[in-house]
């Protein structure tokens, strides 16, 4: 069976229906826009209304991605974005919260400034942290934000080269590519591929050729804390996750990649699978 590699809300609904013991206790979910890939927000909205749940979107890797030509917040979802050094839009560190709810925005402002809501005596409403952005980060962030359209335009040229190259391998079932909904404009923080043939040899070949790659996302249910908690609270059918979690690698992709760099990586990959046929 050929594995599917996409964000599927039908699976979320199926899993949720099995959580009889704790279903009524669940108040919110945190869908992640993996690699910049946004899920079907219209479907998500219906699911949330039906189950009286709030969705908080983890859009950390998805700055610039759109659904139906709009950013997710336009559909009424609150989001967080990361501006870490590895992200497309970067201020070296930090991030932001996007919300249409003034109470939530004010709450986050208090959290980042020691819990303070006024400066005269430094009165506080809640425990907070010193999470204010440094001036140098703000300068870099503002510069990159002003140039983001140019950055994204260059990035999309690189992304299209990747898609055209890897689709031939997908036809031969060597790789499976991430499926993008036609309504989604994905900015591809990295370029993930599911490796169906010669996984370990291929990873070794990339390392020997000085091509960096990452697993990037780990299966949450295998992390120490959640492993313990998930067994105690619920039992989910995670066959799909377990089937693909160790077969995915994220290849590097940069907005300013040169043709020489792109062709080098493509040549290394072609050489490997030509030699291992």
Protein backbone atom coordinates (compact mmCIF):
# COMPACT_ATOMS: atom_id res chain seq x y z
CA UNK A 1 0.00 0.00 0.00
CA UNK A 2 1.33 3.44 -0.90
CA UNK A 3 1.34 5.73 2.14
CA UNK A 4 -0.46 9.05 2.04
CA UNK A 5 1.48 11.98 3.43
CA UNK A 6 -0.96 14.79 4.16
CA UNK A 7 -2.96 16.59 6.81
CA UNK A 8 -6.28 14.72 7.05
CA UNK A 9 -9.05 16.09 9.24
CA UNK A 10 -11.20 13.00 8.73
CA UNK A 11 -8.62 11.11 10.78
CA UNK A 12 -8.91 13.74 13.51
CA UNK A 13 -12.68 13.26 13.63
CA UNK A 14 -12.33 9.48 13.75
CA UNK A 15 -9.80 9.63 16.58
CA UNK A 16 -11.83 12.20 18.49
CA UNK A 17 -14.94 10.03 18.36
CA UNK A 18 -13.02 7.29 20.22
CA UNK A 19 -12.11 9.50 23.17
CA UNK A 20 -15.27 8.70 25.11
CA UNK A 21 -13.68 8.96 28.56
CA UNK A 22 -12.17 12.43 28.15
CA UNK A 23 -13.96 13.88 25.10
CA UNK A 24 -16.08 16.26 27.17
CA UNK A 25 -13.00 17.53 29.02
CA UNK A 26 -11.20 18.64 25.86
CA UNK A 27 -11.56 22.41 25.46
CA UNK A 28 -9.08 23.17 22.70
CA UNK A 29 -6.81 21.56 20.14
CA UNK A 30 -3.53 22.81 18.64
CA UNK A 31 -3.25 21.93 14.93
CA UNK A 32 0.27 22.48 13.59
CA UNK A 33 0.95 23.81 10.10
CA UNK A 34 3.79 21.35 9.49
CA UNK A 35 6.48 22.70 7.16
CA UNK A 36 4.11 25.58 6.33
CA UNK A 37 1.25 23.33 5.18
CA UNK A 38 -2.10 24.64 6.44
CA UNK A 39 -4.92 22.17 6.91
CA UNK A 40 -8.48 22.63 5.58
CA UNK A 41 -9.65 25.55 7.71
CA UNK A 42 -13.27 25.36 6.55
CA UNK A 43 -13.42 21.73 7.68
CA UNK A 44 -11.64 22.59 10.94
CA UNK A 45 -14.16 25.34 11.68
CA UNK A 46 -17.08 22.93 11.25
CA UNK A 47 -15.37 20.35 13.46
CA UNK A 48 -14.80 22.91 16.23
CA UNK A 49 -18.39 24.15 16.13
CA UNK A 50 -19.76 20.63 16.19
CA UNK A 51 -17.66 19.63 19.22
CA UNK A 52 -17.63 23.00 21.03
CA UNK A 53 -13.82 23.17 20.83
CA UNK A 54 -11.43 26.07 20.25
CA UNK A 55 -8.57 25.57 17.77
CA UNK A 56 -5.35 27.46 18.51
CA UNK A 57 -3.22 27.27 15.37
CA UNK A 58 0.48 26.57 15.77
CA UNK A 59 1.59 28.46 12.67
CA UNK A 60 5.19 28.72 13.88
CA UNK A 61 6.59 27.24 10.62
CA UNK A 62 3.96 28.80 8.33
CA UNK A 63 4.57 32.55 8.12
CA UNK A 64 3.31 33.65 4.70
CA UNK A 65 1.22 30.53 4.04
CA UNK A 66 -2.40 31.13 3.04
CA UNK A 67 -5.69 29.27 2.75
CA UNK A 68 -8.06 30.45 0.00
CA UNK A 69 -5.77 33.45 -0.58
CA UNK A 70 -6.13 34.59 3.05
CA UNK A 71 -4.13 34.20 6.24
CA UNK A 72 -5.66 31.79 8.81
CA UNK A 73 -6.60 34.56 11.24
CA UNK A 74 -9.07 35.86 8.64
CA UNK A 75 -11.10 32.70 9.28
CA UNK A 76 -11.42 33.53 12.97
CA UNK A 77 -8.56 31.40 14.30
CA UNK A 78 -5.99 32.62 16.81
CA UNK A 79 -2.39 31.81 15.85
CA UNK A 80 1.20 31.92 16.96
CA UNK A 81 4.16 32.54 14.65
CA UNK A 82 7.85 31.95 15.31
CA UNK A 83 10.56 34.37 14.19
CA UNK A 84 13.41 32.05 15.17
CA UNK A 85 16.60 32.13 13.11
CA UNK A 86 15.50 29.03 11.16
CA UNK A 87 12.22 30.57 9.99
CA UNK A 88 11.46 32.30 6.68
CA UNK A 89 10.51 35.52 8.45
CA UNK A 90 13.11 35.95 11.19
CA UNK A 91 14.09 38.42 13.89
CA UNK A 92 16.74 35.93 15.16
CA UNK A 93 14.46 35.03 18.09
CA UNK A 94 10.93 35.68 19.29
CA UNK A 95 7.58 35.40 17.61
CA UNK A 96 4.09 36.82 17.79
CA UNK A 97 0.49 36.05 18.71
CA UNK A 98 -2.29 36.92 16.27
CA UNK A 99 -5.81 37.24 17.64
CA UNK A 100 -9.04 39.14 17.00
CA UNK A 101 -9.76 39.06 20.74
CA UNK A 102 -8.50 42.16 22.59
CA UNK A 103 -8.65 40.37 25.93
CA UNK A 104 -6.28 37.66 24.66
CA UNK A 105 -3.92 40.26 23.17
CA UNK A 106 -3.81 42.20 26.44
CA UNK A 107 -3.26 38.98 28.39
CA UNK A 108 -0.25 38.15 26.19
CA UNK A 109 1.10 41.69 26.62
CA UNK A 110 0.98 41.25 30.41
CA UNK A 111 2.69 37.86 30.16
CA UNK A 112 5.66 39.24 28.22
CA UNK A 113 6.22 42.17 30.61
CA UNK A 114 6.38 40.63 34.10
CA UNK A 115 2.57 40.55 34.23
CA UNK A 116 2.44 44.36 34.36
CA UNK A 117 -0.56 46.26 33.02
CA UNK A 118 0.64 49.76 33.90
CA UNK A 119 4.05 51.37 34.39
CA UNK A 120 3.49 53.99 37.10
CA UNK A 121 3.96 51.58 40.01
CA UNK A 122 4.44 48.42 37.96
CA UNK A 123 1.12 46.91 39.02
CA UNK A 124 0.57 43.35 37.83
CA UNK A 125 -2.46 41.24 36.96
CA UNK A 126 -0.78 37.86 36.71
CA UNK A 127 2.62 36.14 36.90
CA UNK A 128 4.70 36.97 33.82
CA UNK A 129 8.15 36.81 32.29
CA UNK A 130 10.62 39.26 30.81
CA UNK A 131 9.86 38.29 27.22
CA UNK A 132 10.21 41.66 25.55
CA UNK A 133 11.98 41.69 22.19
CA UNK A 134 15.51 43.08 22.07
CA UNK A 135 16.14 46.14 19.91
CA UNK A 136 18.48 44.28 17.53
CA UNK A 137 15.84 41.60 16.97
CA UNK A 138 13.22 44.27 16.29
CA UNK A 139 15.49 45.99 13.75
CA UNK A 140 16.17 42.72 11.90
CA UNK A 141 12.51 41.71 12.11
CA UNK A 142 11.30 45.01 10.67
CA UNK A 143 13.85 44.84 7.85
CA UNK A 144 12.84 41.28 6.91
CA UNK A 145 9.15 42.12 7.14
CA UNK A 146 9.59 45.02 4.70
CA UNK A 147 11.38 42.66 2.30
CA UNK A 148 9.21 39.60 2.90
CA UNK A 149 7.33 39.73 -0.42
CA UNK A 150 10.64 39.72 -2.31
CA UNK A 151 11.96 36.89 -0.12
CA UNK A 152 8.82 34.82 -0.67
CA UNK A 153 8.85 35.40 -4.43
CA UNK A 154 12.43 34.07 -4.65
CA UNK A 155 11.51 31.17 -2.39
CA UNK A 156 8.59 30.09 -4.58
CA UNK A 157 10.95 29.85 -7.58
CA UNK A 158 13.18 27.47 -5.59
CA UNK A 159 10.15 25.49 -4.34
CA UNK A 160 8.87 24.95 -7.89
CA UNK A 161 12.28 23.61 -8.93
CA UNK A 162 12.09 21.12 -6.03
CA UNK A 163 8.57 20.04 -6.96
CA UNK A 164 9.47 19.48 -10.61
CA UNK A 165 12.55 17.46 -9.68
CA UNK A 166 10.97 15.23 -7.04
CA UNK A 167 7.72 14.44 -8.87
CA UNK A 168 9.60 12.01 -11.13
CA UNK A 169 10.81 10.08 -8.08
CA UNK A 170 7.27 10.04 -6.70
CA UNK A 171 5.98 8.48 -9.91
CA UNK A 172 8.46 5.63 -9.37
CA UNK A 173 7.36 5.32 -5.71
CA UNK A 174 10.87 6.13 -4.48
CA UNK A 175 9.64 9.16 -2.54
CA UNK A 176 6.22 10.36 -1.44
CA UNK A 177 5.83 14.12 -1.32
CA UNK A 178 3.78 16.16 1.10
CA UNK A 179 0.30 16.70 -0.32
CA UNK A 180 -0.82 20.30 -0.46
CA UNK A 181 -4.51 21.14 -0.66
CA UNK A 182 -5.24 23.13 -3.87
CA UNK A 183 -6.59 25.92 -1.64
CA UNK A 184 -3.31 26.22 0.28
CA UNK A 185 -0.29 28.36 -0.58
CA UNK A 186 2.49 26.58 1.32
CA UNK A 187 5.76 28.39 2.01
CA UNK A 188 7.73 25.16 2.76
CA UNK A 189 9.89 25.89 5.80
CA UNK A 190 11.72 22.71 4.75
CA UNK A 191 11.05 20.26 1.91
CA UNK A 192 9.87 16.99 3.51
CA UNK A 193 9.99 13.70 1.64
CA UNK A 194 8.81 10.26 2.69
CA UNK A 195 11.49 7.75 1.64
CA UNK A 196 10.04 4.48 0.39
CA UNK A 197 13.25 2.80 -0.79
CA UNK A 198 16.79 2.45 0.66
CA UNK A 199 16.14 4.79 3.58
CA UNK A 200 19.28 4.22 5.67
CA UNK A 201 21.64 4.05 2.69
CA UNK A 202 20.14 7.23 1.27
CA UNK A 203 20.58 9.13 4.57
CA UNK A 204 24.19 7.95 4.77
CA UNK A 205 24.77 9.03 1.16
CA UNK A 206 23.48 12.55 1.93
CA UNK A 207 25.75 12.84 4.98
CA UNK A 208 28.81 11.73 3.03
CA UNK A 209 27.93 14.31 0.38
CA UNK A 210 27.71 17.10 3.01
CA UNK A 211 23.99 17.64 2.51
CA UNK A 212 22.33 18.44 5.82
CA UNK A 213 18.83 17.18 6.55
CA UNK A 214 16.63 16.83 9.59
CA UNK A 215 13.92 14.58 10.88
CA UNK A 216 12.55 17.86 12.24
CA UNK A 217 9.31 16.66 13.86
CA UNK A 218 9.26 13.83 16.37
CA UNK A 219 6.21 11.71 17.13
CA UNK A 220 4.76 13.33 20.27
CA UNK A 221 3.50 10.06 21.72
CA UNK A 222 7.11 8.80 21.87
CA UNK A 223 8.49 11.74 23.84
CA UNK A 224 9.15 10.92 27.50
CA UNK A 225 6.48 13.05 29.17
CA UNK A 226 3.69 12.46 26.65
CA UNK A 227 4.51 8.79 26.37
CA UNK A 228 3.67 8.38 30.03
CA UNK A 229 0.61 10.63 29.90
CA UNK A 230 -0.89 9.22 26.70
CA UNK A 231 -0.82 5.68 28.10
CA UNK A 232 -2.46 6.82 31.30
CA UNK A 233 -5.24 8.85 29.70
CA UNK A 234 -6.06 7.49 26.27
CA UNK A 235 -5.41 4.76 23.78
CA UNK A 236 -5.38 5.97 20.18
CA UNK A 237 -4.94 4.22 16.88
CA UNK A 238 -1.61 5.64 15.69
CA UNK A 239 -0.80 3.07 13.02
CA UNK A 240 -0.52 5.73 10.31
CA UNK A 241 1.84 7.87 12.39
CA UNK A 242 3.96 4.88 13.39
CA UNK A 243 4.14 3.77 9.76
CA UNK A 244 5.65 7.00 8.42
CA UNK A 245 7.31 8.78 11.39
CA UNK A 246 10.80 7.36 10.83
CA UNK A 247 10.69 7.53 7.04
CA UNK A 248 10.41 11.30 6.72
CA UNK A 249 13.37 13.61 6.29
CA UNK A 250 13.30 17.37 5.75
CA UNK A 251 15.66 18.59 3.06
CA UNK A 252 17.12 22.10 3.28
CA UNK A 253 15.49 24.82 1.21
CA UNK A 254 16.49 28.50 1.29
CA UNK A 255 15.03 31.55 -0.37
CA UNK A 256 18.44 32.58 -1.72
CA UNK A 257 19.68 29.16 -2.84
CA UNK A 258 21.85 29.41 -5.92
CA UNK A 259 21.30 27.30 -9.02
CA UNK A 260 24.68 25.68 -8.32
CA UNK A 261 23.57 24.58 -4.82
CA UNK A 262 20.24 23.25 -6.07
CA UNK A 263 21.82 21.31 -8.93
CA UNK A 264 24.45 19.86 -6.61
CA UNK A 265 21.81 18.36 -4.31
CA UNK A 266 19.69 17.13 -7.22
CA UNK A 267 22.76 15.54 -8.81
CA UNK A 268 23.68 13.72 -5.58
CA UNK A 269 20.15 12.30 -5.29
CA UNK A 270 19.99 11.24 -8.95
CA UNK A 271 23.38 9.57 -8.69
CA UNK A 272 22.37 7.55 -5.63
CA UNK A 273 19.15 6.14 -7.07
CA UNK A 274 20.79 5.48 -10.42
CA UNK A 275 23.47 3.44 -8.68
CA UNK A 276 20.99 1.55 -6.46
CA UNK A 277 18.45 0.57 -9.11
